[in-house]
Amino acid sequence: MIEIPEAIVISKQLNKSIKGKRIKSVIAAASPHKFAWFFDEPSGYDALLSGRTIEIATPYGGRVEISAEGAVLHFGDGVVLRYYGAADKLPVKHQLLVVFEDDTALVGTVAMYGGLWAFPIGGMDDNFYYKVAKEAVPVLSDRFDYECFLDLFDDKSEKMSAKAFLATEQRIPGLGNGVLHDILLNAKIHPKKKMNTLSEVQRRGVFDSIKSTLADMTNGGGRDTERDLFGNPGGYKTKLSKNNSLLICPECGGAVKKEAYMGGSIYYCEECQC
């Protein structure tokens, strides 16, 4: 799943790979998928996008948006984006195929679920999740400071677990279950710990870990559990994830527990996190 680090990495790669290229043709929804979401009718994507030139790719939380002369391509966190050279063999199945005039291509596919929206500028301004992602203060910017973090707390969120607070209800768009575990390990906070039981020092520690852990993941080229625009795994080695098959804490050497919680899995160290 695309989360904050991958959205930033893929956007940079897109700007190096397709910026300035003119779109020759577009095929959308060639391979039917029940949970692939489109804007209006995907059959209209070719008419909307063909002939337009790619301007810039921008990350918004766990989403990637590409501007193209008055039109927009916007990808949700469940979409896999791949760039193919002119001589590369394209995949047979895909939910979106954008071919450029030099015969290179951008392909979007959906495994579980994901949005591949193409629309005129302003076309999704009334979509709640789109608006929240675009209007949120970028978490790795200087504007997302400790005061901004404290503004996320209210009577409802104070009573939530650390996982629920950080990874639900779009408080920090793009911070999901994938990046959550290393953030909480580095902050020494158990994912089930209630936010209203954290001391001021612990709250500051969570904020600092959000900033530093996401920066490390981004600077490493994304997480090793995910792949970039060219299909390469990220260079950041996750501490707590499916890739930690031995379930040994890299901090203390203790046992890592994996449990089902809130509709997904959580990983934590029984010694380091309380």
Protein backbone atom coordinates (compact mmCIF):
# COMPACT_ATOMS: atom_id res chain seq x y z
CA MET A 1 0.00 0.00 0.00
CA ILE A 2 1.20 3.50 -0.81
CA GLU A 3 1.74 5.46 2.38
CA ILE A 4 3.54 8.77 2.98
CA PRO A 5 7.09 7.59 2.11
CA GLU A 6 6.07 5.75 -1.06
CA ALA A 7 3.88 8.62 -2.28
CA ILE A 8 6.83 11.00 -1.99
CA VAL A 9 9.29 8.58 -3.61
CA ILE A 10 6.98 7.64 -6.50
CA SER A 11 6.09 11.29 -7.16
CA LYS A 12 9.78 12.17 -7.48
CA GLN A 13 10.33 9.22 -9.81
CA LEU A 14 7.35 10.25 -11.93
CA ASN A 15 8.72 13.77 -12.26
CA LYS A 16 12.01 12.37 -13.53
CA SER A 17 10.36 9.82 -15.83
CA ILE A 18 7.25 11.34 -17.39
CA LYS A 19 7.26 15.08 -16.72
CA GLY A 20 6.97 16.91 -20.03
CA LYS A 21 5.76 13.85 -21.95
CA ARG A 22 2.68 14.10 -24.14
CA ILE A 23 -0.05 11.47 -23.72
CA LYS A 24 -0.82 9.48 -26.87
CA SER A 25 -3.55 7.16 -25.62
CA VAL A 26 -5.30 5.92 -22.49
CA ILE A 27 -7.07 2.66 -21.74
CA ALA A 28 -9.01 2.41 -18.47
CA ALA A 29 -10.78 -0.58 -16.88
CA ALA A 30 -9.46 -3.06 -19.46
CA SER A 31 -9.31 -5.72 -16.74
CA PRO A 32 -12.53 -5.54 -14.70
CA HIS A 33 -12.00 -5.27 -10.95
CA LYS A 34 -14.82 -4.92 -8.45
CA PHE A 35 -12.82 -2.64 -6.19
CA ALA A 36 -11.10 -0.48 -8.79
CA TRP A 37 -12.72 2.94 -8.62
CA PHE A 38 -12.90 5.49 -11.43
CA PHE A 39 -14.19 9.01 -11.90
CA ASP A 40 -17.39 8.96 -13.93
CA GLU A 41 -17.03 6.56 -16.89
CA PRO A 42 -13.52 5.14 -17.48
CA SER A 43 -14.35 4.98 -21.19
CA GLY A 44 -13.99 8.77 -21.21
CA TYR A 45 -10.40 8.80 -19.94
CA ASP A 46 -8.82 8.66 -23.41
CA ALA A 47 -10.75 11.69 -24.67
CA LEU A 48 -9.98 13.60 -21.48
CA LEU A 49 -6.23 12.91 -21.34
CA SER A 50 -4.94 12.23 -24.85
CA GLY A 51 -2.92 15.11 -26.28
CA ARG A 52 -2.20 16.63 -22.89
CA THR A 53 1.33 17.06 -21.55
CA ILE A 54 2.36 15.89 -18.08
CA GLU A 55 3.20 18.86 -15.85
CA ILE A 56 4.00 17.62 -12.35
CA ALA A 57 3.38 14.77 -9.91
CA THR A 58 2.61 15.66 -6.31
CA PRO A 59 2.21 13.48 -3.19
CA TYR A 60 -0.76 14.05 -0.91
CA GLY A 61 -0.60 11.78 2.12
CA GLY A 62 -0.73 8.25 0.71
CA ARG A 63 -1.92 9.44 -2.69
CA VAL A 64 -0.19 10.54 -5.89
CA GLU A 65 -1.58 13.20 -8.20
CA ILE A 66 -0.41 13.99 -11.73
CA SER A 67 -1.37 17.28 -13.39
CA ALA A 68 -1.70 17.41 -17.18
CA GLU A 69 -2.79 20.75 -18.67
CA GLY A 70 -6.13 21.19 -16.96
CA ALA A 71 -6.71 17.50 -16.28
CA VAL A 72 -5.72 15.39 -13.29
CA LEU A 73 -4.76 11.76 -12.70
CA HIS A 74 -5.16 10.89 -9.04
CA PHE A 75 -4.18 7.53 -7.52
CA GLY A 76 -5.29 6.13 -4.18
CA ASP A 77 -3.15 4.19 -1.73
CA GLY A 78 -4.07 0.74 -3.06
CA VAL A 79 -2.90 1.35 -6.62
CA VAL A 80 0.36 -0.13 -7.91
CA LEU A 81 2.06 2.23 -10.38
CA ARG A 82 4.75 1.03 -12.78
CA TYR A 83 6.71 2.82 -15.52
CA TYR A 84 7.68 0.90 -18.66
CA GLY A 85 10.24 1.80 -21.30
CA ALA A 86 9.40 1.77 -25.00
CA ALA A 87 10.97 -1.67 -25.45
CA ASP A 88 9.50 -3.22 -22.31
CA LYS A 89 6.72 -5.78 -22.46
CA LEU A 90 3.55 -4.38 -20.93
CA PRO A 91 1.45 -6.46 -18.53
CA VAL A 92 -1.60 -8.14 -20.02
CA LYS A 93 -3.87 -7.15 -17.15
CA HIS A 94 -4.21 -3.59 -15.87
CA GLN A 95 -6.81 -1.10 -14.73
CA LEU A 96 -5.11 1.90 -16.38
CA LEU A 97 -2.66 2.17 -19.26
CA VAL A 98 -1.28 5.58 -20.22
CA VAL A 99 0.93 5.50 -23.32
CA PHE A 100 3.10 8.49 -24.19
CA GLU A 101 4.19 9.65 -27.63
CA ASP A 102 7.63 8.09 -27.16
CA ASP A 103 5.91 4.73 -26.51
CA THR A 104 6.87 4.64 -22.85
CA ALA A 105 3.95 3.90 -20.56
CA LEU A 106 2.52 4.30 -17.07
CA VAL A 107 0.48 1.34 -15.83
CA GLY A 108 -1.83 1.28 -12.83
CA THR A 109 -3.08 -1.97 -11.34
CA VAL A 110 -5.20 -2.79 -8.32
CA ALA A 111 -4.72 -5.82 -6.10
CA MET A 112 -7.24 -5.43 -3.27
CA TYR A 113 -8.77 -2.00 -3.88
CA GLY A 114 -7.78 1.40 -5.20
CA GLY A 115 -8.87 4.52 -7.01
CA LEU A 116 -7.59 5.55 -10.44
CA TRP A 117 -9.39 8.82 -10.98
CA ALA A 118 -9.03 11.06 -14.05
CA PHE A 119 -10.97 14.33 -14.12
CA PRO A 120 -10.83 18.02 -15.04
CA ILE A 121 -9.28 20.25 -12.37
CA GLY A 122 -11.81 20.69 -9.56
CA GLY A 123 -13.73 17.55 -10.49
CA MET A 124 -13.24 15.87 -7.10
CA ASP A 125 -13.29 18.91 -4.84
CA ASP A 126 -16.45 17.63 -3.14
CA ASN A 127 -14.89 14.26 -2.25
CA PHE A 128 -14.17 14.13 1.49
CA TYR A 129 -11.06 11.94 1.37
CA TYR A 130 -9.63 13.86 -1.58
CA LYS A 131 -10.13 17.21 0.20
CA VAL A 132 -8.64 15.98 3.46
CA ALA A 133 -5.56 14.59 1.72
CA LYS A 134 -4.96 17.78 -0.27
CA GLU A 135 -5.64 20.18 2.60
CA ALA A 136 -3.66 18.38 5.32
CA VAL A 137 -0.37 19.88 6.43
CA PRO A 138 2.38 17.66 4.95
CA VAL A 139 3.74 15.72 7.92
CA LEU A 140 7.38 16.04 6.83
CA SER A 141 7.13 19.79 6.29
CA ASP A 142 8.26 22.35 8.87
CA ARG A 143 4.64 23.45 9.17
CA PHE A 144 3.76 20.15 10.83
CA ASP A 145 5.25 21.04 14.21
CA TYR A 146 4.45 19.87 17.72
CA GLU A 147 1.60 22.36 18.11
CA CYS A 148 0.07 21.05 14.89
CA PHE A 149 0.34 17.53 16.28
CA LEU A 150 -1.37 18.53 19.53
CA ASP A 151 -4.25 20.02 17.53
CA LEU A 152 -5.13 16.45 16.48
CA PHE A 153 -6.25 15.67 20.04
CA ASP A 154 -9.85 16.10 21.13
CA ASP A 155 -12.22 14.43 23.57
CA LYS A 156 -12.78 11.52 21.19
CA SER A 157 -9.22 10.92 20.05
CA GLU A 158 -7.83 11.16 23.59
CA LYS A 159 -9.65 7.91 24.41
CA MET A 160 -8.30 6.04 21.39
CA SER A 161 -5.46 3.56 21.26
CA ALA A 162 -2.20 4.70 19.69
CA LYS A 163 -2.99 2.72 16.54
CA ALA A 164 -6.49 4.14 16.21
CA PHE A 165 -5.29 7.68 16.86
CA LEU A 166 -2.51 7.60 14.29
CA ALA A 167 -3.92 5.37 11.56
CA THR A 168 -7.68 6.02 11.40
CA GLU A 169 -10.07 8.85 10.50
CA GLN A 170 -7.50 10.64 8.32
CA ARG A 171 -5.88 12.60 11.15
CA ILE A 172 -2.60 12.21 9.32
CA PRO A 173 -3.45 11.19 5.74
CA GLY A 174 -1.04 8.57 4.45
CA LEU A 175 0.01 7.34 7.89
CA GLY A 176 -1.43 3.84 7.91
CA ASN A 177 -0.87 0.44 9.45
CA GLY A 178 2.24 -0.13 7.34
CA VAL A 179 4.38 2.70 8.72
CA LEU A 180 2.70 2.70 12.13
CA HIS A 181 4.66 -0.13 13.73
CA ASP A 182 8.15 1.30 13.34
CA ILE A 183 6.88 4.69 14.49
CA LEU A 184 5.50 3.22 17.71
CA LEU A 185 8.53 0.97 18.28
CA ASN A 186 10.84 3.98 18.00
CA ALA A 187 8.58 5.91 20.37
CA LYS A 188 8.44 2.93 22.80
CA ILE A 189 4.64 2.99 22.78
CA HIS A 190 2.39 -0.08 22.60
CA PRO A 191 -0.17 0.13 19.75
CA LYS A 192 -3.02 -0.59 22.17
CA LYS A 193 -1.95 2.06 24.70
CA LYS A 194 -4.62 4.73 25.23
CA MET A 195 -3.55 8.19 24.20
CA ASN A 196 -4.97 9.78 27.35
CA THR A 197 -2.52 7.74 29.45
CA LEU A 198 0.56 9.17 27.70
CA SER A 199 2.72 11.61 29.60
CA GLU A 200 3.80 14.85 27.96
CA VAL A 201 7.23 13.32 27.36
CA GLN A 202 5.63 10.30 25.65
CA ARG A 203 3.43 12.49 23.46
CA ARG A 204 6.46 14.45 22.38
CA GLY A 205 8.21 11.16 21.72
CA VAL A 206 5.39 10.01 19.41
CA PHE A 207 5.59 13.28 17.49
CA ASP A 208 9.37 13.08 17.16
CA SER A 209 9.13 9.46 16.01
CA ILE A 210 6.53 10.31 13.37
CA LYS A 211 8.86 12.92 11.89
CA SER A 212 12.11 10.94 12.13
CA THR A 213 10.75 7.52 11.15
CA LEU A 214 8.86 8.79 8.11
CA ALA A 215 11.91 10.80 7.07
CA ASP A 216 14.10 7.70 7.31
CA MET A 217 11.61 5.68 5.28
CA THR A 218 11.41 8.37 2.62
CA ASN A 219 15.16 8.97 2.44
CA GLY A 220 15.62 5.21 2.11
CA GLY A 221 13.48 5.11 -1.01
CA GLY A 222 10.39 3.71 0.71
CA ARG A 223 9.86 0.60 2.81
CA ASP A 224 11.25 -2.82 1.89
CA THR A 225 7.68 -4.17 2.05
CA GLU A 226 6.65 -1.98 -0.91
CA ARG A 227 7.92 -1.35 -4.44
CA ASP A 228 8.70 1.84 -6.31
CA LEU A 229 7.75 3.04 -9.80
CA PHE A 230 10.19 0.59 -11.39
CA GLY A 231 9.20 -2.42 -9.32
CA ASN A 232 12.16 -2.24 -6.95
CA PRO A 233 11.66 -2.76 -3.20
CA GLY A 234 12.32 0.25 -0.99
CA GLY A 235 15.68 0.57 0.71
CA TYR A 236 14.36 1.21 4.21
CA LYS A 237 14.49 -2.04 6.19
CA THR A 238 11.33 -2.23 8.28
CA LYS A 239 11.80 -3.23 11.90
CA LEU A 240 8.31 -4.56 12.57
CA SER A 241 6.56 -6.00 9.52
CA LYS A 242 5.90 -9.20 7.62
CA ASN A 243 9.56 -9.04 6.56
CA ASN A 244 10.66 -9.62 10.16
CA SER A 245 9.99 -13.34 9.82
CA LEU A 246 12.00 -14.23 12.94
CA LEU A 247 9.83 -11.93 15.08
CA ILE A 248 12.88 -10.67 16.97
CA CYS A 249 13.04 -7.05 18.10
CA PRO A 250 15.97 -5.26 16.40
CA GLU A 251 16.24 -2.92 19.38
CA CYS A 252 16.54 -5.35 22.30
CA GLY A 253 16.60 -8.84 20.78
CA GLY A 254 13.36 -9.73 22.56
CA ALA A 255 10.28 -11.41 21.15
CA VAL A 256 8.02 -9.56 18.76
CA LYS A 257 4.33 -10.33 19.07
CA LYS A 258 1.89 -10.36 16.16
CA GLU A 259 -1.80 -10.03 16.93
CA ALA A 260 -5.06 -9.28 15.16
CA TYR A 261 -6.34 -5.87 16.21
CA MET A 262 -8.81 -3.41 14.67
CA GLY A 263 -9.29 -5.37 11.47
CA GLY A 264 -5.60 -5.90 10.79
CA SER A 265 -2.36 -7.10 12.34
CA ILE A 266 -0.20 -5.33 14.87
CA TYR A 267 3.44 -6.03 15.72
CA TYR A 268 5.07 -4.94 18.96
CA CYS A 269 7.95 -5.77 21.27
CA GLU A 270 6.85 -6.88 24.73
CA GLU A 271 10.04 -5.47 26.25
CA CYS A 272 10.44 -2.14 24.43
CA GLN A 273 6.81 -1.02 24.13
CA CYS A 274 4.51 -0.43 27.07
